[in-house]
Amino acid sequence: MPPRAHILVVNGRKVHQPVFVIGAPHSGADLLARALKRTAGFHFTVGQPSVLSVVYAFARTPSIQLGRGAAAATVLRDAFAQAWQVSPHACLTCRAECRLARTGPESGSCVDERNISRYGDASPALMYCAESLVDAFPDARIVQVVRDGRAVVAAMLADPEELAWFRRGVANVDTEFPNPFFGVETEDDLAAWPKLSAAGRCAMRWRGSVHKMARLRGSLGAEQLTTFRYEQVVSEPHRVATALGEFAGAQVGRIDVPPGQPGRGSWQRVLSPEQLADIERVAGQQLRRVGYGD
């Protein structure tokens, strides 16, 4: 018997075809999230506390979802029901990237409750509970963003927040295996982890995200999942905005690419030969498989 459909009503409106943007850290998902947040009718969030607490718990401890699909879906629905509520103080709990994407005044809510017709989210680590998202919202639309792994590694190495995950006592690869959040998927990965440099560990995280996105492409149809390349987003923002709008069923006006946004090959000026060698050892095959072999 098929699972019973759940109807979520937030701000007096049924949640219909919510859009979720996922990708590895520094993949460019934030560019699409800003565009959707500024799209008429959308209430789009990034990093609301109620969502982050659940998403990171699922991402860092994937075993808690195994065999508990219905329960995980219920927890996610409840988290988003809270995150999408519009109140005078809701925006005060948002992450900086969510507040920066807003178009309204700095005080008060970022969206007029009366104009909401669609919902969405692009919280960090959302990709690690993508299957549960679809269980929670069977009509969800998933947007994936993939970027050259070398550029992702270069950006992660410059981001203290991302590097903090690798600290002793934080990285839980020994107690949680396999661990998609860190890209540790096999016994060989687990054995190699303690010896990896920071660049190697970042590369393993990127490689794991590519594997995750490939599995999602194999399980979801084109009407429910689409993939964009970061390099395409920054070089052809208008074309991507059109394609994103067609997929999401919305009129996406534009994708703003900030001046100085790193382009293709920018990693070459940042990564050392030793770091590039570490990336090649860990993720070289995946780089070439997804078209970043130059």
Protein backbone atom coordinates (compact mmCIF):
# COMPACT_ATOMS: atom_id res chain seq x y z
CA MET A 1 0.00 0.00 0.00
CA PRO A 2 1.47 3.42 -0.96
CA PRO A 3 2.41 5.76 1.91
CA ARG A 4 -0.26 8.17 3.03
CA ALA A 5 0.15 11.62 1.50
CA HIS A 6 0.79 14.39 4.00
CA ILE A 7 -0.43 17.92 3.43
CA LEU A 8 1.61 20.68 5.04
CA VAL A 9 -0.03 24.07 5.47
CA VAL A 10 2.18 27.02 6.43
CA ASN A 11 1.00 30.62 6.77
CA GLY A 12 -2.45 29.43 5.75
CA ARG A 13 -1.23 28.00 2.43
CA LYS A 14 -0.58 24.46 1.28
CA VAL A 15 3.09 23.75 0.54
CA HIS A 16 3.15 22.86 -3.15
CA GLN A 17 6.24 21.77 -5.13
CA PRO A 18 8.85 23.21 -2.75
CA VAL A 19 12.23 23.81 -4.39
CA PHE A 20 15.43 22.67 -2.69
CA VAL A 21 18.90 23.66 -3.92
CA ILE A 22 21.74 21.31 -3.00
CA GLY A 23 25.46 20.96 -3.67
CA ALA A 24 28.88 20.57 -2.13
CA PRO A 25 30.26 23.46 -0.06
CA HIS A 26 31.17 26.42 -2.28
CA SER A 27 29.52 24.80 -5.29
CA GLY A 28 27.57 27.92 -6.25
CA ALA A 29 24.25 26.82 -4.78
CA ASP A 30 24.06 30.23 -3.09
CA LEU A 31 23.74 31.97 -6.47
CA LEU A 32 20.60 30.01 -7.36
CA ALA A 33 19.26 30.37 -3.82
CA ARG A 34 19.48 34.17 -4.07
CA ALA A 35 17.68 34.14 -7.41
CA LEU A 36 14.84 32.03 -6.04
CA LYS A 37 14.61 34.09 -2.87
CA ARG A 38 14.06 37.17 -5.03
CA THR A 39 11.46 35.46 -7.23
CA ALA A 40 7.91 36.72 -6.80
CA GLY A 41 5.76 34.44 -4.69
CA PHE A 42 8.65 32.48 -3.16
CA HIS A 43 9.47 32.24 0.51
CA PHE A 44 13.00 30.85 0.31
CA THR A 45 15.14 30.19 3.37
CA VAL A 46 18.79 29.37 3.96
CA GLY A 47 19.91 27.99 7.31
CA GLN A 48 16.96 28.50 9.61
CA PRO A 49 17.91 26.95 13.01
CA SER A 50 15.02 24.47 13.02
CA VAL A 51 16.23 23.09 9.68
CA LEU A 52 19.96 23.23 10.34
CA SER A 53 19.71 21.21 13.53
CA VAL A 54 17.88 18.41 11.71
CA VAL A 55 19.93 18.54 8.52
CA TYR A 56 23.29 18.37 10.28
CA ALA A 57 22.07 15.58 12.53
CA PHE A 58 21.00 13.55 9.49
CA ALA A 59 24.15 14.45 7.54
CA ARG A 60 26.65 13.61 10.27
CA THR A 61 24.80 10.57 11.58
CA PRO A 62 23.22 8.96 8.51
CA SER A 63 22.51 5.76 10.43
CA ILE A 64 19.63 7.46 12.26
CA GLN A 65 17.72 7.60 8.96
CA LEU A 66 18.23 3.94 8.03
CA GLY A 67 14.96 2.05 8.19
CA ARG A 68 13.20 5.14 9.53
CA GLY A 69 12.11 6.85 6.32
CA ALA A 70 8.66 7.85 7.54
CA ALA A 71 10.01 9.21 10.82
CA ALA A 72 12.79 11.17 9.07
CA ALA A 73 10.25 12.66 6.66
CA THR A 74 8.03 13.72 9.56
CA VAL A 75 10.93 15.40 11.35
CA LEU A 76 11.87 17.32 8.19
CA ARG A 77 8.29 18.43 7.56
CA ASP A 78 8.06 19.72 11.10
CA ALA A 79 11.39 21.56 10.75
CA PHE A 80 10.31 23.32 7.58
CA ALA A 81 6.87 24.07 8.98
CA GLN A 82 8.67 26.08 11.65
CA ALA A 83 11.31 27.59 9.35
CA TRP A 84 8.78 28.88 6.82
CA GLN A 85 6.52 30.55 9.36
CA VAL A 86 6.47 34.30 8.78
CA SER A 87 6.74 36.43 11.90
CA PRO A 88 8.28 39.82 12.77
CA HIS A 89 11.27 38.13 14.39
CA ALA A 90 11.81 35.12 12.10
CA CYS A 91 14.52 36.78 10.02
CA LEU A 92 16.62 37.50 13.10
CA THR A 93 17.51 33.81 13.32
CA CYS A 94 18.59 33.47 9.66
CA ARG A 95 22.17 32.96 8.57
CA ALA A 96 24.00 35.93 7.03
CA GLU A 97 23.74 34.56 3.48
CA CYS A 98 19.97 34.39 3.82
CA ARG A 99 19.68 37.96 5.09
CA LEU A 100 22.00 39.25 2.35
CA ALA A 101 19.78 37.73 -0.33
CA ARG A 102 16.70 39.65 0.74
CA THR A 103 15.32 42.50 -1.34
CA GLY A 104 13.09 44.22 1.22
CA PRO A 105 14.02 46.56 4.08
CA GLU A 106 16.55 45.36 6.64
CA SER A 107 14.00 45.36 9.46
CA GLY A 108 10.98 43.10 9.62
CA SER A 109 10.25 40.05 7.54
CA CYS A 110 11.94 39.43 4.20
CA VAL A 111 8.66 38.41 2.56
CA ASP A 112 5.07 39.59 2.53
CA GLU A 113 3.00 36.70 3.85
CA ARG A 114 0.10 37.66 1.60
CA ASN A 115 2.17 37.10 -1.54
CA ILE A 116 3.55 33.65 -0.71
CA SER A 117 2.62 30.88 -3.11
CA ARG A 118 5.75 28.70 -3.08
CA TYR A 119 8.43 27.63 -0.60
CA GLY A 120 12.03 26.50 -0.84
CA ASP A 121 15.32 26.11 0.98
CA ALA A 122 19.05 25.86 0.33
CA SER A 123 20.49 25.14 3.77
CA PRO A 124 24.04 23.75 4.01
CA ALA A 125 24.29 19.94 3.98
CA LEU A 126 20.73 19.63 2.70
CA MET A 127 21.90 17.16 0.06
CA TYR A 128 22.60 14.50 2.67
CA CYS A 129 18.91 14.10 3.43
CA ALA A 130 17.62 14.53 -0.13
CA GLU A 131 15.81 11.19 -0.13
CA SER A 132 14.01 12.10 3.08
CA LEU A 133 13.09 15.45 1.53
CA VAL A 134 11.34 13.63 -1.30
CA ASP A 135 9.63 11.36 1.22
CA ALA A 136 8.48 14.44 3.13
CA PHE A 137 7.45 16.34 -0.02
CA PRO A 138 6.70 13.90 -2.87
CA ASP A 139 6.23 16.77 -5.33
CA ALA A 140 9.52 18.47 -4.36
CA ARG A 141 11.81 19.92 -7.01
CA ILE A 142 15.53 19.31 -6.40
CA VAL A 143 18.15 21.54 -8.02
CA GLN A 144 21.74 20.27 -7.92
CA VAL A 145 24.81 22.41 -8.54
CA VAL A 146 28.14 20.79 -9.40
CA ARG A 147 31.47 22.61 -9.65
CA ASP A 148 35.04 21.70 -10.54
CA GLY A 149 36.32 19.83 -7.49
CA ARG A 150 39.63 21.68 -7.58
CA ALA A 151 37.84 25.02 -7.26
CA VAL A 152 35.69 23.61 -4.46
CA VAL A 153 38.78 22.43 -2.58
CA ALA A 154 40.49 25.81 -3.01
CA ALA A 155 37.44 27.58 -1.58
CA MET A 156 37.06 25.12 1.30
CA LEU A 157 40.72 25.53 2.27
CA ALA A 158 40.09 29.27 2.66
CA ASP A 159 36.94 28.73 4.75
CA PRO A 160 37.59 28.19 8.49
CA GLU A 161 33.98 27.05 9.01
CA GLU A 162 34.42 24.17 6.56
CA LEU A 163 37.88 23.23 7.82
CA ALA A 164 36.52 23.06 11.37
CA TRP A 165 34.67 19.84 10.43
CA PHE A 166 38.02 18.08 10.12
CA ARG A 167 39.14 18.78 13.68
CA ARG A 168 39.81 15.90 16.03
CA GLY A 169 36.67 15.12 17.96
CA VAL A 170 34.47 16.66 15.26
CA ALA A 171 35.09 14.35 12.30
CA ASN A 172 33.17 11.22 13.28
CA VAL A 173 34.41 8.88 10.54
CA ASP A 174 35.43 6.23 13.07
CA THR A 175 32.07 6.03 14.81
CA GLU A 176 29.82 6.60 11.77
CA PHE A 177 30.68 4.49 8.74
CA PRO A 178 29.99 4.86 5.88
CA ASN A 179 29.97 8.62 6.24
CA PRO A 180 28.76 10.48 3.11
CA PHE A 181 29.22 13.87 4.79
CA PHE A 182 32.99 13.34 4.71
CA GLY A 183 32.93 11.19 1.57
CA VAL A 184 34.20 8.15 3.46
CA GLU A 185 32.39 5.34 1.68
CA THR A 186 34.70 2.30 1.66
CA GLU A 187 37.15 0.57 3.98
CA ASP A 188 39.97 1.97 1.84
CA ASP A 189 38.61 5.50 2.36
CA LEU A 190 38.48 4.93 6.10
CA ALA A 191 42.06 3.63 6.17
CA ALA A 192 43.32 6.58 4.10
CA TRP A 193 41.49 9.28 6.08
CA PRO A 194 43.98 9.75 8.97
CA LYS A 195 46.85 10.34 6.53
CA LEU A 196 45.09 12.74 4.22
CA SER A 197 46.07 16.40 4.04
CA ALA A 198 43.40 19.08 4.37
CA ALA A 199 43.28 19.27 0.56
CA GLY A 200 42.81 15.51 0.36
CA ARG A 201 39.98 15.56 2.90
CA CYS A 202 38.24 18.40 1.07
CA ALA A 203 38.61 16.42 -2.17
CA MET A 204 37.05 13.39 -0.51
CA ARG A 205 34.10 15.49 0.60
CA TRP A 206 33.65 16.79 -2.96
CA ARG A 207 33.97 13.29 -4.41
CA GLY A 208 31.33 12.03 -1.99
CA SER A 209 28.96 14.82 -3.06
CA VAL A 210 29.41 13.84 -6.72
CA HIS A 211 28.57 10.24 -5.87
CA LYS A 212 25.52 11.40 -3.93
CA MET A 213 24.26 13.52 -6.81
CA ALA A 214 24.78 10.66 -9.26
CA ARG A 215 22.67 8.37 -7.10
CA LEU A 216 19.93 11.00 -6.95
CA ARG A 217 19.95 11.31 -10.75
CA GLY A 218 19.46 7.57 -10.93
CA SER A 219 16.48 7.58 -8.58
CA LEU A 220 14.59 10.75 -9.55
CA GLY A 221 13.08 11.71 -12.90
CA ALA A 222 13.89 14.81 -14.94
CA GLU A 223 10.64 16.43 -13.82
CA GLN A 224 11.82 16.29 -10.20
CA LEU A 225 15.59 16.83 -10.39
CA THR A 226 17.85 18.98 -12.52
CA THR A 227 21.57 19.75 -12.43
CA PHE A 228 23.48 22.91 -13.27
CA ARG A 229 27.21 23.50 -13.47
CA TYR A 230 28.63 26.43 -11.54
CA GLU A 231 30.71 27.41 -14.56
CA GLN A 232 27.55 27.66 -16.64
CA VAL A 233 25.82 29.72 -13.96
CA VAL A 234 28.54 32.39 -13.89
CA SER A 235 29.10 32.48 -17.67
CA GLU A 236 25.45 32.28 -18.79
CA PRO A 237 23.34 33.56 -15.88
CA HIS A 238 20.41 34.64 -18.04
CA ARG A 239 20.14 31.27 -19.77
CA VAL A 240 20.39 29.44 -16.45
CA ALA A 241 17.73 31.69 -14.92
CA THR A 242 15.37 30.78 -17.75
CA ALA A 243 16.08 27.06 -17.36
CA LEU A 244 15.72 27.27 -13.57
CA GLY A 245 12.39 29.04 -13.91
CA GLU A 246 11.08 26.46 -16.36
CA PHE A 247 12.07 23.63 -14.03
CA ALA A 248 10.71 25.28 -10.88
CA GLY A 249 7.54 26.54 -12.52
CA ALA A 250 8.28 30.16 -11.65
CA GLN A 251 9.39 33.38 -13.30
CA VAL A 252 13.02 33.67 -12.16
CA GLY A 253 14.06 37.17 -13.08
CA ARG A 254 17.82 36.96 -12.97
CA ILE A 255 20.85 35.38 -11.36
CA ASP A 256 23.21 38.00 -9.99
CA VAL A 257 26.86 37.00 -10.28
CA PRO A 258 28.88 39.24 -7.92
CA PRO A 259 31.89 41.01 -9.43
CA GLY A 260 35.05 39.01 -8.94
CA GLN A 261 33.20 35.70 -8.65
CA PRO A 262 35.85 33.02 -9.29
CA GLY A 263 35.61 31.62 -12.80
CA ARG A 264 36.83 28.50 -14.50
CA GLY A 265 40.44 27.68 -13.67
CA SER A 266 40.74 30.14 -10.78
CA TRP A 267 42.01 27.29 -8.59
CA GLN A 268 45.25 27.28 -10.58
CA ARG A 269 46.38 30.48 -8.87
CA VAL A 270 45.66 29.14 -5.39
CA LEU A 271 46.50 25.45 -5.12
CA SER A 272 50.08 24.26 -4.76
CA PRO A 273 51.48 21.33 -6.78
CA GLU A 274 51.37 19.22 -3.61
CA GLN A 275 47.70 20.05 -3.04
CA LEU A 276 46.85 19.30 -6.66
CA ALA A 277 48.61 15.95 -6.36
CA ASP A 278 46.56 15.13 -3.25
CA ILE A 279 43.35 16.04 -5.06
CA GLU A 280 44.31 13.90 -8.03
CA ARG A 281 44.98 10.88 -5.84
CA VAL A 282 41.65 11.17 -4.08
CA ALA A 283 39.30 12.47 -6.75
CA GLY A 284 41.07 12.48 -10.10
CA GLN A 285 38.87 9.80 -11.58
CA GLN A 286 35.68 11.60 -10.52
CA LEU A 287 36.97 14.92 -11.86
CA ARG A 288 37.39 13.43 -15.31
CA ARG A 289 34.14 11.51 -15.11
CA VAL A 290 32.11 14.69 -14.61
CA GLY A 291 34.03 16.70 -17.21
CA TYR A 292 36.73 18.48 -15.23
CA GLY A 293 39.78 16.67 -16.54
CA ASP A 294 41.68 19.60 -18.08
